[in-house]
């Protein structure tokens, strides 16, 4: 079974305690932990600072990534935090609209893989999170994304329910947070026992 995880720095495994760009070792990143515990081939397509793709060049890069990865059993997308961080008046509804356009683009492709939309854990007060707006809107992503997943007929997971620990910046997973995320992702994958289940949105 092959899973591609398309996300931002929390998929990449960025360690905010390090110099810019450094990441946790492989044995601490949730994607690698998940691969070990499930036996799935997990492709880490995380990128620091990534917002939801919307510009032509961004969409083209995403298309090329999928085309170059080969057949997939599942494509997991977890984005939206950077959209809120980098756009001062952005809301959860705005992020969901941007996500809907991106996922619709993917679903228009030739034989798109089954999709899992993941709402990232809400931000916490920290060095990067000093506005009430960020707390409110990041917490609102789950409801907006769940409604979107139902409209599109794809699977949904709310990582805000997974007990993921965040570090001092209020955004990035701790090593314990990566382990917790991997454990809950494993439960999600174990719940996918037939192709028909891919089309149901659920928490």
Protein backbone atom coordinates (compact mmCIF):
# COMPACT_ATOMS: atom_id res chain seq x y z
CA UNK A 1 0.00 0.00 0.00
CA UNK A 2 1.32 3.44 -0.96
CA UNK A 3 0.41 6.72 0.74
CA UNK A 4 1.56 10.18 -0.32
CA UNK A 5 1.40 12.86 2.39
CA UNK A 6 1.13 16.34 0.86
CA UNK A 7 1.61 18.97 3.51
CA UNK A 8 3.68 21.70 5.07
CA UNK A 9 6.44 21.77 7.69
CA UNK A 10 4.56 19.47 10.07
CA UNK A 11 4.59 16.82 7.37
CA UNK A 12 8.18 17.60 6.40
CA UNK A 13 9.15 17.20 10.05
CA UNK A 14 10.51 20.68 10.77
CA UNK A 15 12.12 21.05 14.19
CA UNK A 16 11.59 24.65 15.42
CA UNK A 17 14.33 24.22 18.05
CA UNK A 18 16.93 23.91 15.29
CA UNK A 19 18.45 26.22 12.72
CA UNK A 20 15.99 27.23 9.99
CA UNK A 21 15.12 24.33 7.72
CA UNK A 22 16.40 21.52 9.95
CA UNK A 23 14.09 18.62 10.65
CA UNK A 24 13.61 15.88 13.18
CA UNK A 25 15.49 12.64 12.53
CA UNK A 26 13.59 10.06 10.52
CA UNK A 27 12.76 7.95 13.56
CA UNK A 28 10.90 10.93 15.07
CA UNK A 29 8.88 12.13 12.05
CA UNK A 30 5.27 10.94 11.93
CA UNK A 31 5.52 9.85 8.30
CA UNK A 32 8.43 7.52 9.03
CA UNK A 33 6.88 6.24 12.26
CA UNK A 34 3.70 5.51 10.33
CA UNK A 35 5.60 3.59 7.66
CA UNK A 36 7.28 1.41 10.28
CA UNK A 37 4.12 0.63 12.21
CA UNK A 38 1.81 -0.01 9.23
CA UNK A 39 4.10 -1.48 6.59
CA UNK A 40 2.73 1.08 4.12
CA UNK A 41 5.10 2.90 1.80
CA UNK A 42 4.72 6.48 2.96
CA UNK A 43 5.98 9.23 0.64
CA UNK A 44 6.73 12.42 2.55
CA UNK A 45 5.82 15.37 0.32
CA UNK A 46 5.95 17.99 3.05
CA UNK A 47 7.43 21.41 2.36
CA UNK A 48 8.24 24.17 4.83
CA UNK A 49 6.00 27.20 4.45
CA UNK A 50 3.67 25.62 1.90
CA UNK A 51 0.25 27.21 1.50
CA UNK A 52 -2.61 25.51 -0.31
CA UNK A 53 -1.57 25.51 -4.01
CA UNK A 54 -3.55 27.94 -6.13
CA UNK A 55 -1.21 29.58 -8.64
CA UNK A 56 -0.64 27.85 -12.00
CA UNK A 57 2.99 27.04 -11.22
CA UNK A 58 2.04 25.56 -7.84
CA UNK A 59 -0.68 23.41 -9.36
CA UNK A 60 1.70 22.25 -12.08
CA UNK A 61 4.28 21.22 -9.47
CA UNK A 62 1.63 19.28 -7.57
CA UNK A 63 0.53 17.54 -10.77
CA UNK A 64 4.10 16.61 -11.61
CA UNK A 65 4.68 15.27 -8.12
CA UNK A 66 1.66 13.00 -8.36
CA UNK A 67 2.53 11.88 -11.87
CA UNK A 68 6.10 11.11 -10.85
CA UNK A 69 5.17 9.18 -7.72
CA UNK A 70 3.34 6.40 -9.51
CA UNK A 71 0.16 4.58 -8.46
CA UNK A 72 -1.13 5.52 -5.01
CA UNK A 73 -3.62 3.89 -2.69
CA UNK A 74 -4.25 7.16 -0.87
CA UNK A 75 -3.30 10.84 -1.07
CA UNK A 76 -3.45 12.65 2.29
CA UNK A 77 -3.55 16.45 2.20
CA UNK A 78 -2.96 18.52 5.35
CA UNK A 79 -2.58 22.24 4.69
CA UNK A 80 -4.10 25.54 5.77
CA UNK A 81 -2.01 26.70 8.72
CA UNK A 82 0.37 28.75 6.58
CA UNK A 83 -2.53 30.31 4.71
CA UNK A 84 -3.78 31.67 8.04
CA UNK A 85 -0.32 32.70 9.23
CA UNK A 86 0.67 34.50 6.04
CA UNK A 87 -2.60 36.31 5.26
CA UNK A 88 -3.57 38.75 8.00
CA UNK A 89 -7.33 38.68 7.39
CA UNK A 90 -7.68 35.09 6.24
CA UNK A 91 -10.39 32.94 7.84
CA UNK A 92 -11.09 29.21 8.03
CA UNK A 93 -13.78 29.71 5.39
CA UNK A 94 -11.25 31.37 3.10
CA UNK A 95 -8.85 28.46 3.58
CA UNK A 96 -11.62 25.97 2.84
CA UNK A 97 -12.45 27.82 -0.37
CA UNK A 98 -8.83 27.70 -1.45
CA UNK A 99 -8.67 24.00 -0.49
CA UNK A 100 -11.84 23.24 -2.44
CA UNK A 101 -10.34 24.71 -5.61
CA UNK A 102 -7.14 22.69 -5.10
CA UNK A 103 -8.89 19.40 -4.42
CA UNK A 104 -11.28 19.95 -7.34
CA UNK A 105 -8.20 20.40 -9.51
CA UNK A 106 -6.78 17.09 -8.27
CA UNK A 107 -10.07 15.29 -8.77
CA UNK A 108 -10.25 16.51 -12.36
CA UNK A 109 -7.02 14.66 -13.13
CA UNK A 110 -6.79 11.36 -14.93
CA UNK A 111 -7.51 8.56 -12.44
CA UNK A 112 -6.91 10.64 -9.30
CA UNK A 113 -5.98 8.68 -6.17
CA UNK A 114 -8.45 8.40 -3.27
CA UNK A 115 -8.17 11.51 -1.11
CA UNK A 116 -7.99 12.02 2.65
CA UNK A 117 -8.36 15.64 3.80
CA UNK A 118 -6.84 16.27 7.25
CA UNK A 119 -7.58 19.36 9.31
CA UNK A 120 -4.32 20.28 11.08
CA UNK A 121 -4.28 20.59 14.88
CA UNK A 122 -5.40 24.07 15.93
CA UNK A 123 -2.66 26.50 16.86
CA UNK A 124 -1.86 27.35 20.47
CA UNK A 125 -0.59 30.62 21.95
CA UNK A 126 3.14 30.81 21.26
CA UNK A 127 5.98 32.69 19.63
CA UNK A 128 4.32 32.49 16.20
CA UNK A 129 0.75 32.75 17.45
CA UNK A 130 0.01 36.07 19.13
CA UNK A 131 -3.35 36.91 17.52
CA UNK A 132 -6.70 35.66 18.73
CA UNK A 133 -7.67 35.37 15.06
CA UNK A 134 -5.16 32.57 14.54
CA UNK A 135 -6.51 30.60 17.48
CA UNK A 136 -10.11 31.03 16.36
CA UNK A 137 -9.63 30.42 12.66
CA UNK A 138 -7.25 27.46 13.01
CA UNK A 139 -9.80 25.85 15.33
CA UNK A 140 -12.46 26.49 12.70
CA UNK A 141 -10.64 24.61 9.94
CA UNK A 142 -12.04 21.25 11.08
CA UNK A 143 -15.70 22.18 10.58
CA UNK A 144 -15.01 23.93 7.28
CA UNK A 145 -12.91 21.03 5.97
CA UNK A 146 -15.38 18.41 7.11
CA UNK A 147 -18.18 20.16 5.23
CA UNK A 148 -15.93 20.36 2.18
CA UNK A 149 -15.04 16.67 2.38
CA UNK A 150 -18.72 15.76 2.48
CA UNK A 151 -19.44 17.92 -0.56
CA UNK A 152 -16.61 16.28 -2.51
CA UNK A 153 -17.30 12.76 -1.26
CA UNK A 154 -13.81 12.22 0.14
CA UNK A 155 -12.53 11.05 3.51
CA UNK A 156 -11.84 13.47 6.34
CA UNK A 157 -9.89 13.38 9.59
CA UNK A 158 -9.69 16.01 12.32
CA UNK A 159 -6.18 15.98 13.81
CA UNK A 160 -7.35 18.49 16.38
CA UNK A 161 -8.86 15.51 18.22
CA UNK A 162 -5.64 13.54 18.26
CA UNK A 163 -3.84 15.03 21.26
CA UNK A 164 -0.92 16.33 19.22
CA UNK A 165 1.52 18.30 21.38
CA UNK A 166 2.82 21.57 19.93
CA UNK A 167 6.09 23.29 20.81
CA UNK A 168 6.81 26.84 21.97
CA UNK A 169 5.91 28.48 18.66
CA UNK A 170 2.31 27.28 18.89
CA UNK A 171 2.42 25.69 15.43
CA UNK A 172 4.92 22.85 15.11
CA UNK A 173 4.64 19.33 16.49
CA UNK A 174 6.93 18.15 19.25
CA UNK A 175 8.48 14.69 18.92
CA UNK A 176 5.71 13.38 21.19
CA UNK A 177 3.24 15.16 18.90
CA UNK A 178 4.66 13.34 15.89
CA UNK A 179 4.25 9.99 17.66
CA UNK A 180 0.66 10.80 18.62
CA UNK A 181 -0.14 11.90 15.08
CA UNK A 182 1.34 8.70 13.64
CA UNK A 183 -0.68 6.55 16.02
CA UNK A 184 -3.95 8.21 15.05
CA UNK A 185 -3.09 8.12 11.37
CA UNK A 186 -2.48 4.40 11.74
CA UNK A 187 -6.00 4.05 13.15
CA UNK A 188 -7.38 5.97 10.16
CA UNK A 189 -5.55 3.71 7.71
CA UNK A 190 -6.69 0.61 9.53
CA UNK A 191 -10.26 1.85 9.12
CA UNK A 192 -9.84 1.87 5.36
CA UNK A 193 -10.59 -1.76 4.63
CA UNK A 194 -12.24 -1.53 1.23
CA UNK A 195 -12.25 0.92 -1.70
CA UNK A 196 -15.82 1.92 -0.86
CA UNK A 197 -14.75 3.41 2.42
CA UNK A 198 -12.58 5.96 0.66
CA UNK A 199 -15.66 7.87 -0.41
CA UNK A 200 -17.01 8.49 3.11
CA UNK A 201 -16.09 11.60 5.04
CA UNK A 202 -15.76 10.90 8.75
CA UNK A 203 -13.90 12.02 11.84
